[in-house]
PDB file of N, CA and C in Angstrom:
ATOM      1  N   MET A   1       5.242  44.124  84.310  1.00  0.00           N
ATOM      2  CA  MET A   1       6.394  43.452  84.072  1.00  0.00           C
ATOM      3  C   MET A   1       7.005  42.920  85.358  1.00  0.00           C
ATOM      4  N   GLY A   2       7.322  41.768  85.526  1.00  0.00           N
ATOM      5  CA  GLY A   2       7.817  40.943  86.861  1.00  0.00           C
ATOM      6  C   GLY A   2       9.271  41.571  87.522  1.00  0.00           C
ATOM      7  N   LYS A   3       9.577  41.393  88.520  1.00  0.00           N
ATOM      8  CA  LYS A   3      10.667  41.938  89.171  1.00  0.00           C
ATOM      9  C   LYS A   3      11.915  40.800  88.803  1.00  0.00           C
ATOM     10  N   ALA A   4      13.063  41.234  88.665  1.00  0.00           N
ATOM     11  CA  ALA A   4      14.012  40.150  88.432  1.00  0.00           C
ATOM     12  C   ALA A   4      14.259  39.405  89.718  1.00  0.00           C
ATOM     13  N   LYS A   5      14.512  38.289  89.413  1.00  0.00           N
ATOM     14  CA  LYS A   5      14.910  37.388  91.059  1.00  0.00           C
ATOM     15  C   LYS A   5      16.306  37.546  91.267  1.00  0.00           C
ATOM     16  N   LYS A   6      16.577  38.015  92.597  1.00  0.00           N
ATOM     17  CA  LYS A   6      17.835  38.328  93.195  1.00  0.00           C
ATOM     18  C   LYS A   6      18.621  37.037  93.167  1.00  0.00           C
ATOM     19  N   LEU A   7      19.613  36.785  92.551  1.00  0.00           N
ATOM     20  CA  LEU A   7      20.308  35.624  92.835  1.00  0.00           C
ATOM     21  C   LEU A   7      21.359  35.589  93.764  1.00  0.00           C
ATOM     22  N   ILE A   8      21.208  34.514  94.877  1.00  0.00           N
ATOM     23  CA  ILE A   8      21.911  34.682  95.907  1.00  0.00           C
ATOM     24  C   ILE A   8      23.301  33.750  95.553  1.00  0.00           C
ATOM     25  N   ILE A   9      24.424  34.274  95.603  1.00  0.00           N
ATOM     26  CA  ILE A   9      25.712  33.480  95.266  1.00  0.00           C
ATOM     27  C   ILE A   9      26.542  33.546  96.729  1.00  0.00           C
ATOM     28  N   GLU A  10      26.900  32.435  97.326  1.00  0.00           N
ATOM     29  CA  GLU A  10      27.353  31.977  98.316  1.00  0.00           C
ATOM     30  C   GLU A  10      28.760  30.901  98.089  1.00  0.00           C
ATOM     31  N   PRO A  11      29.864  31.036  98.659  1.00  0.00           N
ATOM     32  CA  PRO A  11      30.954  30.257  98.542  1.00  0.00           C
ATOM     33  C   PRO A  11      30.410  28.807  99.114  1.00  0.00           C
ATOM     34  N   GLY A  12      31.020  27.935  98.325  1.00  0.00           N
ATOM     35  CA  GLY A  12      30.629  26.626  98.583  1.00  0.00           C
ATOM     36  C   GLY A  12      29.268  25.926  97.775  1.00  0.00           C
ATOM     37  N   LYS A  13      28.534  26.917  97.071  1.00  0.00           N
ATOM     38  CA  LYS A  13      27.610  26.363  96.439  1.00  0.00           C
ATOM     39  C   LYS A  13      27.881  25.958  94.931  1.00  0.00           C
ATOM     40  N   PHE A  14      27.038  25.082  94.480  1.00  0.00           N
ATOM     41  CA  PHE A  14      27.551  24.552  93.240  1.00  0.00           C
ATOM     42  C   PHE A  14      26.587  25.163  92.073  1.00  0.00           C
ATOM     43  N   VAL A  15      27.002  25.495  90.787  1.00  0.00           N
ATOM     44  CA  VAL A  15      26.421  26.108  89.892  1.00  0.00           C
ATOM     45  C   VAL A  15      26.825  25.433  88.513  1.00  0.00           C
ATOM     46  N   ARG A  16      26.044  25.672  87.466  1.00  0.00           N
ATOM     47  CA  ARG A  16      26.327  25.245  86.195  1.00  0.00           C
ATOM     48  C   ARG A  16      26.699  26.670  85.130  1.00  0.00           C
ATOM     49  N   ILE A  17      27.972  26.120  84.521  1.00  0.00           N
ATOM     50  CA  ILE A  17      28.317  27.371  83.543  1.00  0.00           C
ATOM     51  C   ILE A  17      27.217  27.514  82.532  1.00  0.00           C
ATOM     52  N   LYS A  18      26.766  28.456  82.043  1.00  0.00           N
ATOM     53  CA  LYS A  18      25.812  28.663  81.286  1.00  0.00           C
ATOM     54  C   LYS A  18      26.223  29.194  79.624  1.00  0.00           C
ATOM     55  N   SER A  19      27.399  29.737  79.609  1.00  0.00           N
ATOM     56  CA  SER A  19      27.829  29.946  78.115  1.00  0.00           C
ATOM     57  C   SER A  19      29.270  29.602  77.902  1.00  0.00           C
ATOM     58  N   GLY A  20      29.883  29.717  76.854  1.00  0.00           N
ATOM     59  CA  GLY A  20      31.214  29.548  76.378  1.00  0.00           C
ATOM     60  C   GLY A  20      31.595  27.993  76.246  1.00  0.00           C
ATOM     61  N   ASP A  21      32.841  27.776  76.129  1.00  0.00           N
ATOM     62  CA  ASP A  21      33.426  26.460  76.103  1.00  0.00           C
ATOM     63  C   ASP A  21      32.984  25.479  77.038  1.00  0.00           C
ATOM     64  N   TYR A  22      32.818  26.100  78.186  1.00  0.00           N
ATOM     65  CA  TYR A  22      32.298  25.103  79.252  1.00  0.00           C
ATOM     66  C   TYR A  22      30.730  25.132  79.925  1.00  0.00           C
ATOM     67  N   LYS A  23      30.092  25.455  78.703  1.00  0.00           N
ATOM     68  CA  LYS A  23      28.616  25.254  79.031  1.00  0.00           C
ATOM     69  C   LYS A  23      28.047  24.177  79.403  1.00  0.00           C
ATOM     70  N   GLY A  24      27.327  23.998  80.412  1.00  0.00           N
ATOM     71  CA  GLY A  24      26.743  22.778  81.246  1.00  0.00           C
ATOM     72  C   GLY A  24      27.828  22.353  82.189  1.00  0.00           C
ATOM     73  N   ASP A  25      28.954  22.458  82.154  1.00  0.00           N
ATOM     74  CA  ASP A  25      29.934  21.966  83.176  1.00  0.00           C
ATOM     75  C   ASP A  25      29.599  22.531  84.595  1.00  0.00           C
ATOM     76  N   ILE A  26      29.898  21.853  85.475  1.00  0.00           N
ATOM     77  CA  ILE A  26      29.756  21.977  86.992  1.00  0.00           C
ATOM     78  C   ILE A  26      30.981  22.791  87.679  1.00  0.00           C
ATOM     79  N   ALA A  27      30.612  23.893  88.359  1.00  0.00           N
ATOM     80  CA  ALA A  27      31.484  24.754  89.050  1.00  0.00           C
ATOM     81  C   ALA A  27      30.978  24.770  90.638  1.00  0.00           C
ATOM     82  N   GLN A  28      31.984  24.941  91.565  1.00  0.00           N
ATOM     83  CA  GLN A  28      31.798  25.596  92.676  1.00  0.00           C
ATOM     84  C   GLN A  28      32.225  26.666  92.900  1.00  0.00           C
ATOM     85  N   ILE A  29      31.485  27.689  93.846  1.00  0.00           N
ATOM     86  CA  ILE A  29      31.640  29.060  94.043  1.00  0.00           C
ATOM     87  C   ILE A  29      32.826  29.077  95.111  1.00  0.00           C
ATOM     88  N   VAL A  30      34.195  29.829  95.043  1.00  0.00           N
ATOM     89  CA  VAL A  30      35.318  29.778  95.806  1.00  0.00           C
ATOM     90  C   VAL A  30      35.068  30.917  96.818  1.00  0.00           C
ATOM     91  N   MET A  31      34.926  32.264  95.755  1.00  0.00           N
ATOM     92  CA  MET A  31      35.066  33.421  96.633  1.00  0.00           C
ATOM     93  C   MET A  31      34.023  34.432  95.598  1.00  0.00           C
ATOM     94  N   VAL A  32      33.417  35.181  96.369  1.00  0.00           N
ATOM     95  CA  VAL A  32      32.505  36.278  95.874  1.00  0.00           C
ATOM     96  C   VAL A  32      32.770  37.663  96.115  1.00  0.00           C
ATOM     97  N   GLU A  33      33.405  38.623  95.102  1.00  0.00           N
ATOM     98  CA  GLU A  33      33.475  40.007  95.340  1.00  0.00           C
ATOM     99  C   GLU A  33      32.261  40.598  94.661  1.00  0.00           C
ATOM    100  N   GLU A  34      31.524  40.885  95.792  1.00  0.00           N
ATOM    101  CA  GLU A  34      30.529  41.911  95.220  1.00  0.00           C
ATOM    102  C   GLU A  34      30.302  43.120  94.769  1.00  0.00           C
ATOM    103  N   HIS A  35      31.609  43.792  95.375  1.00  0.00           N
ATOM    104  CA  HIS A  35      31.922  45.156  94.885  1.00  0.00           C
ATOM    105  C   HIS A  35      32.266  45.178  93.461  1.00  0.00           C
ATOM    106  N   ARG A  36      32.886  43.969  93.008  1.00  0.00           N
ATOM    107  CA  ARG A  36      33.406  44.119  91.501  1.00  0.00           C
ATOM    108  C   ARG A  36      32.458  43.138  90.659  1.00  0.00           C
ATOM    109  N   ASP A  37      31.339  42.785  91.258  1.00  0.00           N
ATOM    110  CA  ASP A  37      30.131  41.814  90.492  1.00  0.00           C
ATOM    111  C   ASP A  37      31.208  40.660  89.758  1.00  0.00           C
ATOM    112  N   ARG A  38      31.873  39.856  90.605  1.00  0.00           N
ATOM    113  CA  ARG A  38      32.681  38.806  89.907  1.00  0.00           C
ATOM    114  C   ARG A  38      32.758  37.916  91.111  1.00  0.00           C
ATOM    115  N   ALA A  39      32.839  36.719  90.862  1.00  0.00           N
ATOM    116  CA  ALA A  39      33.021  35.042  91.475  1.00  0.00           C
ATOM    117  C   ALA A  39      34.290  34.531  90.929  1.00  0.00           C
ATOM    118  N   GLN A  40      34.934  33.853  91.889  1.00  0.00           N
ATOM    119  CA  GLN A  40      36.006  32.928  91.663  1.00  0.00           C
ATOM    120  C   GLN A  40      35.244  31.417  91.886  1.00  0.00           C
ATOM    121  N   VAL A  41      35.653  30.594  90.697  1.00  0.00           N
ATOM    122  CA  VAL A  41      34.763  29.135  90.695  1.00  0.00           C
ATOM    123  C   VAL A  41      35.783  28.260  90.617  1.00  0.00           C
ATOM    124  N   ARG A  42      35.608  27.057  91.050  1.00  0.00           N
ATOM    125  CA  ARG A  42      36.337  26.030  90.777  1.00  0.00           C
ATOM    126  C   ARG A  42      35.516  24.978  89.688  1.00  0.00           C
ATOM    127  N   MET A  43      36.143  24.569  88.751  1.00  0.00           N
ATOM    128  CA  MET A  43      35.185  23.981  87.698  1.00  0.00           C
ATOM    129  C   MET A  43      35.712  22.381  87.827  1.00  0.00           C
ATOM    130  N   VAL A  44      34.644  21.392  87.421  1.00  0.00           N
ATOM    131  CA  VAL A  44      34.585  20.195  87.060  1.00  0.00           C
ATOM    132  C   VAL A  44      34.485  20.113  85.468  1.00  0.00           C
ATOM    133  N   PRO A  45      35.427  20.514  84.496  1.00  0.00           N
ATOM    134  CA  PRO A  45      35.005  20.309  83.137  1.00  0.00           C
ATOM    135  C   PRO A  45      35.001  19.083  82.552  1.00  0.00           C
ATOM    136  N   CYS A  46      34.229  18.825  81.617  1.00  0.00           N
ATOM    137  CA  CYS A  46      34.160  17.465  80.908  1.00  0.00           C
ATOM    138  C   CYS A  46      35.193  17.657  79.939  1.00  0.00           C
ATOM    139  N   LEU A  47      36.098  16.673  80.004  1.00  0.00           N
ATOM    140  CA  LEU A  47      37.748  16.679  79.155  1.00  0.00           C
ATOM    141  C   LEU A  47      37.518  16.384  78.082  1.00  0.00           C
ATOM    142  N   GLU A  48      36.537  15.508  77.774  1.00  0.00           N
ATOM    143  CA  GLU A  48      36.562  14.583  76.648  1.00  0.00           C
ATOM    144  C   GLU A  48      35.525  15.493  75.653  1.00  0.00           C
ATOM    145  N   LYS A  49      35.869  16.502  75.123  1.00  0.00           N
ATOM    146  CA  LYS A  49      35.026  17.227  74.310  1.00  0.00           C
ATOM    147  C   LYS A  49      34.794  16.495  73.021  1.00  0.00           C
ATOM    148  N   THR A  50      33.642  16.435  72.499  1.00  0.00           N
ATOM    149  CA  THR A  50      33.221  15.885  71.206  1.00  0.00           C
ATOM    150  C   THR A  50      33.048  16.794  70.121  1.00  0.00           C
ATOM    151  N   SER A  51      33.154  16.439  68.604  1.00  0.00           N
ATOM    152  CA  SER A  51      32.821  17.649  67.709  1.00  0.00           C
ATOM    153  C   SER A  51      31.379  17.632  67.702  1.00  0.00           C
ATOM    154  N   ASN A  52      30.515  16.626  67.919  1.00  0.00           N
ATOM    155  CA  ASN A  52      29.344  16.639  67.817  1.00  0.00           C
ATOM    156  C   ASN A  52      28.855  17.245  69.132  1.00  0.00           C
ATOM    157  N   HIS A  53      27.939  18.559  69.041  1.00  0.00           N
ATOM    158  CA  HIS A  53      27.760  19.547  69.921  1.00  0.00           C
ATOM    159  C   HIS A  53      26.349  19.080  70.413  1.00  0.00           C
ATOM    160  N   LYS A  54      25.577  18.050  70.120  1.00  0.00           N
ATOM    161  CA  LYS A  54      24.395  17.690  70.598  1.00  0.00           C
ATOM    162  C   LYS A  54      24.851  16.429  71.616  1.00  0.00           C
ATOM    163  N   VAL A  55      25.766  15.795  71.590  1.00  0.00           N
ATOM    164  CA  VAL A  55      26.369  14.625  72.461  1.00  0.00           C
ATOM    165  C   VAL A  55      27.369  15.337  73.473  1.00  0.00           C
ATOM    166  N   GLN A  56      26.951  15.341  74.683  1.00  0.00           N
ATOM    167  CA  GLN A  56      27.956  15.732  75.792  1.00  0.00           C
ATOM    168  C   GLN A  56      28.533  14.614  76.543  1.00  0.00           C
ATOM    169  N   PRO A  57      29.640  14.389  76.870  1.00  0.00           N
ATOM    170  CA  PRO A  57      30.197  13.390  77.969  1.00  0.00           C
ATOM    171  C   PRO A  57      29.732  13.929  79.404  1.00  0.00           C
ATOM    172  N   SER A  58      29.541  12.899  79.963  1.00  0.00           N
ATOM    173  CA  SER A  58      29.221  13.050  81.588  1.00  0.00           C
ATOM    174  C   SER A  58      30.285  13.806  82.297  1.00  0.00           C
ATOM    175  N   ALA A  59      29.839  14.780  83.199  1.00  0.00           N
ATOM    176  CA  ALA A  59      31.004  15.322  83.944  1.00  0.00           C
ATOM    177  C   ALA A  59      31.639  14.282  84.913  1.00  0.00           C
ATOM    178  N   LYS A  60      32.969  14.377  85.176  1.00  0.00           N
ATOM    179  CA  LYS A  60      33.638  13.519  85.994  1.00  0.00           C
ATOM    180  C   LYS A  60      34.666  14.402  86.624  1.00  0.00           C
ATOM    181  N   LEU A  61      35.196  14.018  87.851  1.00  0.00           N
ATOM    182  CA  LEU A  61      35.856  14.586  88.451  1.00  0.00           C
ATOM    183  C   LEU A  61      37.238  14.401  87.797  1.00  0.00           C
ATOM    184  N   PHE A  62      38.255  15.359  88.101  1.00  0.00           N
ATOM    185  CA  PHE A  62      39.687  15.569  87.707  1.00  0.00           C
ATOM    186  C   PHE A  62      40.524  14.733  88.434  1.00  0.00           C
ATOM    187  N   ASN A  63      41.305  13.897  87.873  1.00  0.00           N
ATOM    188  CA  ASN A  63      42.417  13.176  88.521  1.00  0.00           C
ATOM    189  C   ASN A  63      43.682  13.376  87.833  1.00  0.00           C
ATOM    190  N   PRO A  64      44.342  14.058  88.643  1.00  0.00           N
ATOM    191  CA  PRO A  64      45.688  14.478  88.212  1.00  0.00           C
ATOM    192  C   PRO A  64      46.635  13.221  87.673  1.00  0.00           C
ATOM    193  N   LYS A  65      46.304  12.035  88.307  1.00  0.00           N
ATOM    194  CA  LYS A  65      47.300  10.905  87.674  1.00  0.00           C
ATOM    195  C   LYS A  65      46.880  10.817  86.418  1.00  0.00           C
ATOM    196  N   ASP A  66      45.622  11.086  85.993  1.00  0.00           N
ATOM    197  CA  ASP A  66      45.549  10.742  84.287  1.00  0.00           C
ATOM    198  C   ASP A  66      46.115  11.734  83.554  1.00  0.00           C
ATOM    199  N   TYR A  67      46.720  12.999  83.968  1.00  0.00           N
ATOM    200  CA  TYR A  67      47.314  13.922  83.176  1.00  0.00           C
ATOM    201  C   TYR A  67      48.740  14.125  83.989  1.00  0.00           C
ATOM    202  N   PRO A  68      49.586  13.209  83.814  1.00  0.00           N
ATOM    203  CA  PRO A  68      51.071  13.337  84.372  1.00  0.00           C
ATOM    204  C   PRO A  68      51.813  14.826  84.006  1.00  0.00           C
ATOM    205  N   GLU A  69      51.375  15.443  82.852  1.00  0.00           N
ATOM    206  CA  GLU A  69      52.045  16.529  82.390  1.00  0.00           C
ATOM    207  C   GLU A  69      51.636  17.956  82.688  1.00  0.00           C
ATOM    208  N   CYS A  70      50.442  17.847  83.773  1.00  0.00           N
ATOM    209  CA  CYS A  70      49.909  19.011  84.480  1.00  0.00           C
ATOM    210  C   CYS A  70      50.749  19.197  85.485  1.00  0.00           C
ATOM    211  N   GLU A  71      50.768  20.630  85.886  1.00  0.00           N
ATOM    212  CA  GLU A  71      51.456  21.246  86.946  1.00  0.00           C
ATOM    213  C   GLU A  71      50.813  21.510  88.088  1.00  0.00           C
ATOM    214  N   THR A  72      51.014  21.548  89.309  1.00  0.00           N
ATOM    215  CA  THR A  72      50.329  21.616  90.461  1.00  0.00           C
ATOM    216  C   THR A  72      50.905  22.985  90.975  1.00  0.00           C
ATOM    217  N   LYS A  73      49.868  23.998  91.371  1.00  0.00           N
ATOM    218  CA  LYS A  73      50.126  25.234  91.740  1.00  0.00           C
ATOM    219  C   LYS A  73      49.165  25.630  92.889  1.00  0.00           C
ATOM    220  N   ARG A  74      49.444  26.673  93.764  1.00  0.00           N
ATOM    221  CA  ARG A  74      48.858  27.004  95.040  1.00  0.00           C
ATOM    222  C   ARG A  74      48.355  28.621  94.964  1.00  0.00           C
ATOM    223  N   ASP A  75      47.251  28.899  94.991  1.00  0.00           N
ATOM    224  CA  ASP A  75      46.543  30.199  95.026  1.00  0.00           C
ATOM    225  C   ASP A  75      46.942  30.892  96.036  1.00  0.00           C
ATOM    226  N   VAL A  76      47.792  32.187  95.735  1.00  0.00           N
ATOM    227  CA  VAL A  76      48.417  32.887  96.855  1.00  0.00           C
ATOM    228  C   VAL A  76      47.264  33.655  97.900  1.00  0.00           C
ATOM    229  N   MET A  77      46.018  34.020  97.377  1.00  0.00           N
ATOM    230  CA  MET A  77      45.073  34.403  98.064  1.00  0.00           C
ATOM    231  C   MET A  77      44.110  33.675  98.958  1.00  0.00           C
ATOM    232  N   SER A  78      43.745  32.602  98.063  1.00  0.00           N
ATOM    233  CA  SER A  78      42.767  31.503  98.648  1.00  0.00           C
ATOM    234  C   SER A  78      43.628  30.253  99.405  1.00  0.00           C
ATOM    235  N   ARG A  79      44.862  30.079  98.915  1.00  0.00           N
ATOM    236  CA  ARG A  79      45.641  29.078  99.336  1.00  0.00           C
ATOM    237  C   ARG A  79      45.068  27.613  98.942  1.00  0.00           C
ATOM    238  N   TYR A  80      44.219  27.582  97.816  1.00  0.00           N
ATOM    239  CA  TYR A  80      43.678  26.446  97.334  1.00  0.00           C
ATOM    240  C   TYR A  80      44.601  25.893  96.244  1.00  0.00           C
ATOM    241  N   ILE A  81      44.688  24.698  95.817  1.00  0.00           N
ATOM    242  CA  ILE A  81      45.630  24.199  95.120  1.00  0.00           C
ATOM    243  C   ILE A  81      44.760  23.884  93.613  1.00  0.00           C
ATOM    244  N   PHE A  82      45.693  24.042  92.656  1.00  0.00           N
ATOM    245  CA  PHE A  82      44.990  23.921  91.411  1.00  0.00           C
ATOM    246  C   PHE A  82      45.938  23.246  90.323  1.00  0.00           C
ATOM    247  N   PHE A  83      45.359  23.042  89.195  1.00  0.00           N
ATOM    248  CA  PHE A  83      46.341  22.476  88.448  1.00  0.00           C
ATOM    249  C   PHE A  83      46.336  22.979  86.998  1.00  0.00           C
ATOM    250  N   LEU A  84      47.496  23.213  86.350  1.00  0.00           N
ATOM    251  CA  LEU A  84      47.533  23.643  84.985  1.00  0.00           C
ATOM    252  C   LEU A  84      47.930  22.685  84.064  1.00  0.00           C
TER     253      LEU A  84
END
């Protein structure tokens, strides 16, 4: 048996989501909590989901001007701005 490859996760690196509703979307690592085996990520989701699972629209950056109903919030711990 081969040894498992150790994955190095560092803030600032980009990753792809491997499962769930956001499978294949791009995310950036914001904070790593090794003692809890957890990482906080900032995602760039594909907002135009299609009913055809074989066709996925290309990822594009979120523009809050396209969604006037979204709220702006600031994370208390990291001080990053995010949208709801």
